[in-house]
PDB file of all heavy atoms in Angstrom:
ATOM      1  N   ARG A   1     121.030 -14.361  73.728  1.00  0.00           N
ATOM      2  CA  ARG A   1     121.478 -13.079  73.659  1.00  0.00           C
ATOM      3  C   ARG A   1     122.826 -12.997  72.934  1.00  0.00           C
ATOM      4  O   ARG A   1     123.869 -13.262  73.445  1.00  0.00           O
ATOM      5  CB  ARG A   1     121.696 -12.513  75.146  1.00  0.00           C
ATOM      6  CG  ARG A   1     120.503 -12.277  75.899  1.00  0.00           C
ATOM      7  CD  ARG A   1     120.745 -11.670  77.282  1.00  0.00           C
ATOM      8  NE  ARG A   1     119.638 -11.313  77.929  1.00  0.00           N
ATOM      9  CZ  ARG A   1     118.886 -12.172  78.731  1.00  0.00           C
ATOM     10  NH1 ARG A   1     119.450 -13.377  78.882  1.00  0.00           N
ATOM     11  NH2 ARG A   1     117.821 -11.795  79.334  1.00  0.00           N
ATOM     12  N   PRO A   2     122.703 -12.801  71.564  1.00  0.00           N
ATOM     13  CA  PRO A   2     123.848 -12.594  70.856  1.00  0.00           C
ATOM     14  C   PRO A   2     124.595 -11.322  71.051  1.00  0.00           C
ATOM     15  O   PRO A   2     124.170 -10.385  71.515  1.00  0.00           O
ATOM     16  CB  PRO A   2     123.304 -12.743  69.362  1.00  0.00           C
ATOM     17  CG  PRO A   2     122.093 -12.085  69.494  1.00  0.00           C
ATOM     18  CD  PRO A   2     121.436 -12.521  70.883  1.00  0.00           C
ATOM     19  N   THR A   3     125.936 -11.426  70.740  1.00  0.00           N
ATOM     20  CA  THR A   3     126.686 -10.104  70.844  1.00  0.00           C
ATOM     21  C   THR A   3     127.121  -9.666  69.545  1.00  0.00           C
ATOM     22  O   THR A   3     127.679 -10.458  68.732  1.00  0.00           O
ATOM     23  CB  THR A   3     128.062 -10.459  71.585  1.00  0.00           C
ATOM     24  OG1 THR A   3     127.867 -10.959  72.905  1.00  0.00           O
ATOM     25  CG2 THR A   3     128.863  -9.191  71.602  1.00  0.00           C
ATOM     26  N   ALA A   4     126.724  -8.360  69.233  1.00  0.00           N
ATOM     27  CA  ALA A   4     126.934  -7.827  67.913  1.00  0.00           C
ATOM     28  C   ALA A   4     128.329  -7.159  67.877  1.00  0.00           C
ATOM     29  O   ALA A   4     128.560  -6.347  68.923  1.00  0.00           O
ATOM     30  CB  ALA A   4     125.840  -7.001  67.435  1.00  0.00           C
ATOM     31  N   SER A   5     128.987  -7.226  66.852  1.00  0.00           N
ATOM     32  CA  SER A   5     130.360  -6.324  66.779  1.00  0.00           C
ATOM     33  C   SER A   5     130.377  -5.683  65.410  1.00  0.00           C
ATOM     34  O   SER A   5     129.791  -6.004  64.424  1.00  0.00           O
ATOM     35  CB  SER A   5     131.564  -7.207  66.940  1.00  0.00           C
ATOM     36  OG  SER A   5     131.489  -8.135  66.019  1.00  0.00           O
ATOM     37  N   GLN A   6     130.863  -4.415  65.458  1.00  0.00           N
ATOM     38  CA  GLN A   6     131.017  -3.718  64.223  1.00  0.00           C
ATOM     39  C   GLN A   6     132.445  -3.436  63.840  1.00  0.00           C
ATOM     40  O   GLN A   6     133.271  -3.262  64.810  1.00  0.00           O
ATOM     41  CB  GLN A   6     130.355  -2.415  64.330  1.00  0.00           C
ATOM     42  CG  GLN A   6     128.817  -2.476  64.647  1.00  0.00           C
ATOM     43  CD  GLN A   6     128.160  -1.159  64.672  1.00  0.00           C
ATOM     44  OE1 GLN A   6     128.750  -0.187  65.023  1.00  0.00           O
ATOM     45  NE2 GLN A   6     126.852  -1.107  64.486  1.00  0.00           N
ATOM     46  N   THR A   7     132.778  -3.431  62.709  1.00  0.00           N
ATOM     47  CA  THR A   7     134.169  -3.217  62.326  1.00  0.00           C
ATOM     48  C   THR A   7     134.088  -2.184  61.180  1.00  0.00           C
ATOM     49  O   THR A   7     133.469  -2.228  60.193  1.00  0.00           O
ATOM     50  CB  THR A   7     134.675  -4.631  61.692  1.00  0.00           C
ATOM     51  OG1 THR A   7     134.750  -5.508  62.575  1.00  0.00           O
ATOM     52  CG2 THR A   7     136.290  -4.147  61.178  1.00  0.00           C
ATOM     53  N   ARG A   8     134.970  -1.107  61.448  1.00  0.00           N
ATOM     54  CA  ARG A   8     135.030   0.075  60.479  1.00  0.00           C
ATOM     55  C   ARG A   8     136.041  -0.327  59.376  1.00  0.00           C
ATOM     56  O   ARG A   8     137.174  -0.696  59.649  1.00  0.00           O
ATOM     57  CB  ARG A   8     135.326   1.344  61.206  1.00  0.00           C
ATOM     58  CG  ARG A   8     134.249   1.843  62.064  1.00  0.00           C
ATOM     59  CD  ARG A   8     134.651   3.232  62.686  1.00  0.00           C
ATOM     60  NE  ARG A   8     133.538   3.752  63.401  1.00  0.00           N
ATOM     61  CZ  ARG A   8     132.456   4.436  63.027  1.00  0.00           C
ATOM     62  NH1 ARG A   8     132.462   4.619  61.780  1.00  0.00           N
ATOM     63  NH2 ARG A   8     131.641   4.960  63.786  1.00  0.00           N
ATOM     64  N   LEU A   9     135.730  -0.177  58.143  1.00  0.00           N
ATOM     65  CA  LEU A   9     136.552  -0.423  57.011  1.00  0.00           C
ATOM     66  C   LEU A   9     136.907   0.938  56.399  1.00  0.00           C
ATOM     67  O   LEU A   9     136.012   1.665  55.933  1.00  0.00           O
ATOM     68  CB  LEU A   9     136.037  -1.359  56.046  1.00  0.00           C
ATOM     69  CG  LEU A   9     135.647  -2.759  56.531  1.00  0.00           C
ATOM     70  CD1 LEU A   9     134.978  -3.622  55.407  1.00  0.00           C
ATOM     71  CD2 LEU A   9     137.028  -3.517  56.925  1.00  0.00           C
ATOM     72  N   THR A  10     138.178   1.333  56.246  1.00  0.00           N
ATOM     73  CA  THR A  10     138.528   2.623  55.746  1.00  0.00           C
ATOM     74  C   THR A  10     139.370   2.356  54.436  1.00  0.00           C
ATOM     75  O   THR A  10     140.323   1.577  54.437  1.00  0.00           O
ATOM     76  CB  THR A  10     139.419   3.443  56.709  1.00  0.00           C
ATOM     77  OG1 THR A  10     138.705   3.446  58.002  1.00  0.00           O
ATOM     78  CG2 THR A  10     139.860   4.728  56.346  1.00  0.00           C
ATOM     79  N   PRO A  11     138.970   3.043  53.476  1.00  0.00           N
ATOM     80  CA  PRO A  11     139.736   2.949  52.172  1.00  0.00           C
ATOM     81  C   PRO A  11     141.219   3.353  52.411  1.00  0.00           C
ATOM     82  O   PRO A  11     141.549   4.250  53.235  1.00  0.00           O
ATOM     83  CB  PRO A  11     139.014   3.885  51.183  1.00  0.00           C
ATOM     84  CG  PRO A  11     137.625   4.024  51.732  1.00  0.00           C
ATOM     85  CD  PRO A  11     137.872   4.040  53.362  1.00  0.00           C
ATOM     86  N   THR A  12     142.152   2.638  51.752  1.00  0.00           N
ATOM     87  CA  THR A  12     143.465   2.919  51.871  1.00  0.00           C
ATOM     88  C   THR A  12     143.942   3.410  50.373  1.00  0.00           C
ATOM     89  O   THR A  12     143.494   2.950  49.486  1.00  0.00           O
ATOM     90  CB  THR A  12     144.373   1.753  52.303  1.00  0.00           C
ATOM     91  OG1 THR A  12     144.070   0.603  51.476  1.00  0.00           O
ATOM     92  CG2 THR A  12     143.835   1.282  53.655  1.00  0.00           C
ATOM     93  N   LYS A  13     145.153   4.078  50.594  1.00  0.00           N
ATOM     94  CA  LYS A  13     145.721   4.663  49.256  1.00  0.00           C
ATOM     95  C   LYS A  13     147.270   4.116  49.115  1.00  0.00           C
ATOM     96  O   LYS A  13     147.894   4.274  50.111  1.00  0.00           O
ATOM     97  CB  LYS A  13     145.599   6.151  49.086  1.00  0.00           C
ATOM     98  CG  LYS A  13     144.174   6.695  48.907  1.00  0.00           C
ATOM     99  CD  LYS A  13     144.260   8.101  48.638  1.00  0.00           C
ATOM    100  CE  LYS A  13     142.828   8.670  48.488  1.00  0.00           C
ATOM    101  NZ  LYS A  13     142.764  10.053  48.151  1.00  0.00           N
ATOM    102  N   THR A  14     147.512   3.625  48.047  1.00  0.00           N
ATOM    103  CA  THR A  14     148.856   3.108  47.709  1.00  0.00           C
ATOM    104  C   THR A  14     149.300   3.555  46.316  1.00  0.00           C
ATOM    105  O   THR A  14     148.598   3.135  45.404  1.00  0.00           O
ATOM    106  CB  THR A  14     149.016   1.650  47.960  1.00  0.00           C
ATOM    107  OG1 THR A  14     148.647   1.300  49.187  1.00  0.00           O
ATOM    108  CG2 THR A  14     150.526   1.237  47.801  1.00  0.00           C
ATOM    109  N   MET A  15     150.201   4.443  46.135  1.00  0.00           N
ATOM    110  CA  MET A  15     150.736   4.984  44.952  1.00  0.00           C
ATOM    111  C   MET A  15     149.429   5.385  43.970  1.00  0.00           C
ATOM    112  O   MET A  15     149.324   5.019  42.965  1.00  0.00           O
ATOM    113  CB  MET A  15     151.447   3.908  44.200  1.00  0.00           C
ATOM    114  CG  MET A  15     152.712   3.451  44.885  1.00  0.00           C
ATOM    115  SD  MET A  15     153.828   2.494  43.960  1.00  0.00           S
ATOM    116  CE  MET A  15     154.225   3.561  42.612  1.00  0.00           C
ATOM    117  N   SER A  16     148.616   6.241  44.612  1.00  0.00           N
ATOM    118  CA  SER A  16     147.532   6.772  44.081  1.00  0.00           C
ATOM    119  C   SER A  16     146.406   5.862  43.533  1.00  0.00           C
ATOM    120  O   SER A  16     145.539   6.155  42.840  1.00  0.00           O
ATOM    121  CB  SER A  16     147.952   7.602  42.778  1.00  0.00           C
ATOM    122  OG  SER A  16     148.878   8.647  43.176  1.00  0.00           O
ATOM    123  N   ILE A  17     146.457   4.502  43.907  1.00  0.00           N
ATOM    124  CA  ILE A  17     145.460   3.698  43.674  1.00  0.00           C
ATOM    125  C   ILE A  17     144.538   3.464  44.848  1.00  0.00           C
ATOM    126  O   ILE A  17     145.000   3.043  45.930  1.00  0.00           O
ATOM    127  CB  ILE A  17     146.055   2.195  43.416  1.00  0.00           C
ATOM    128  CG1 ILE A  17     147.019   2.375  42.138  1.00  0.00           C
ATOM    129  CG2 ILE A  17     144.971   1.173  43.124  1.00  0.00           C
ATOM    130  CD1 ILE A  17     147.758   1.101  41.710  1.00  0.00           C
ATOM    131  N   THR A  18     143.196   3.702  44.713  1.00  0.00           N
ATOM    132  CA  THR A  18     142.250   3.614  45.843  1.00  0.00           C
ATOM    133  C   THR A  18     141.672   2.385  45.958  1.00  0.00           C
ATOM    134  O   THR A  18     141.282   1.701  44.913  1.00  0.00           O
ATOM    135  CB  THR A  18     141.182   4.680  45.589  1.00  0.00           C
ATOM    136  OG1 THR A  18     141.738   5.968  45.567  1.00  0.00           O
ATOM    137  CG2 THR A  18     140.138   4.591  46.738  1.00  0.00           C
ATOM    138  N   VAL A  19     141.791   1.649  47.118  1.00  0.00           N
ATOM    139  CA  VAL A  19     141.142   0.408  47.365  1.00  0.00           C
ATOM    140  C   VAL A  19     139.927   0.630  48.140  1.00  0.00           C
ATOM    141  O   VAL A  19     139.839   1.234  49.204  1.00  0.00           O
ATOM    142  CB  VAL A  19     142.088  -0.442  48.174  1.00  0.00           C
ATOM    143  CG1 VAL A  19     141.426  -1.816  48.448  1.00  0.00           C
ATOM    144  CG2 VAL A  19     143.390  -0.645  47.416  1.00  0.00           C
ATOM    145  N   SER A  20     138.749   0.230  47.562  1.00  0.00           N
ATOM    146  CA  SER A  20     137.391   0.370  48.230  1.00  0.00           C
ATOM    147  C   SER A  20     137.250  -0.586  49.209  1.00  0.00           C
ATOM    148  O   SER A  20     137.703  -1.739  49.251  1.00  0.00           O
ATOM    149  CB  SER A  20     136.385   0.348  47.116  1.00  0.00           C
ATOM    150  OG  SER A  20     136.499   1.155  46.142  1.00  0.00           O
ATOM    151  N   PRO A  21     136.375  -0.233  50.321  1.00  0.00           N
ATOM    152  CA  PRO A  21     136.106  -1.286  51.330  1.00  0.00           C
ATOM    153  C   PRO A  21     135.300  -2.431  50.838  1.00  0.00           C
ATOM    154  O   PRO A  21     134.661  -2.338  49.876  1.00  0.00           O
ATOM    155  CB  PRO A  21     135.235  -0.498  52.299  1.00  0.00           C
ATOM    156  CG  PRO A  21     135.350   1.051  51.940  1.00  0.00           C
ATOM    157  CD  PRO A  21     135.704   0.986  50.440  1.00  0.00           C
ATOM    158  N   THR A  22     135.489  -3.572  51.270  1.00  0.00           N
ATOM    159  CA  THR A  22     134.734  -4.839  50.940  1.00  0.00           C
ATOM    160  C   THR A  22     133.439  -4.718  51.534  1.00  0.00           C
ATOM    161  O   THR A  22     133.206  -4.479  52.683  1.00  0.00           O
ATOM    162  CB  THR A  22     135.560  -6.033  51.563  1.00  0.00           C
ATOM    163  OG1 THR A  22     136.916  -6.084  51.140  1.00  0.00           O
ATOM    164  CG2 THR A  22     134.879  -7.286  51.149  1.00  0.00           C
ATOM    165  N   VAL A  23     132.498  -4.970  50.636  1.00  0.00           N
ATOM    166  CA  VAL A  23     131.110  -5.020  50.960  1.00  0.00           C
ATOM    167  C   VAL A  23     130.715  -6.419  51.555  1.00  0.00           C
ATOM    168  O   VAL A  23     130.850  -7.399  50.724  1.00  0.00           O
ATOM    169  CB  VAL A  23     130.234  -4.591  49.902  1.00  0.00           C
ATOM    170  CG1 VAL A  23     128.676  -4.697  50.254  1.00  0.00           C
ATOM    171  CG2 VAL A  23     130.493  -3.192  49.233  1.00  0.00           C
ATOM    172  N   THR A  24     130.215  -6.430  52.685  1.00  0.00           N
ATOM    173  CA  THR A  24     129.800  -7.798  53.259  1.00  0.00           C
ATOM    174  C   THR A  24     128.282  -7.622  53.637  1.00  0.00           C
ATOM    175  O   THR A  24     127.754  -6.706  53.899  1.00  0.00           O
ATOM    176  CB  THR A  24     130.593  -8.106  54.489  1.00  0.00           C
ATOM    177  OG1 THR A  24     130.403  -7.067  55.459  1.00  0.00           O
ATOM    178  CG2 THR A  24     132.079  -8.187  54.220  1.00  0.00           C
ATOM    179  N   THR A  25     127.627  -8.799  53.674  1.00  0.00           N
ATOM    180  CA  THR A  25     126.261  -8.941  54.146  1.00  0.00           C
ATOM    181  C   THR A  25     126.131  -8.881  55.547  1.00  0.00           C
ATOM    182  O   THR A  25     126.861  -9.609  56.187  1.00  0.00           O
ATOM    183  CB  THR A  25     125.559 -10.157  53.565  1.00  0.00           C
ATOM    184  OG1 THR A  25     125.674 -10.114  52.115  1.00  0.00           O
ATOM    185  CG2 THR A  25     124.181 -10.338  53.874  1.00  0.00           C
TER     186      THR A  25
END
């Protein structure tokens, strides 16, 4: 019985530069 966990990744903005969420398998 494995335990699954989920993590929400939210884009952040710094000085008008948008950082996209990291895509993981």
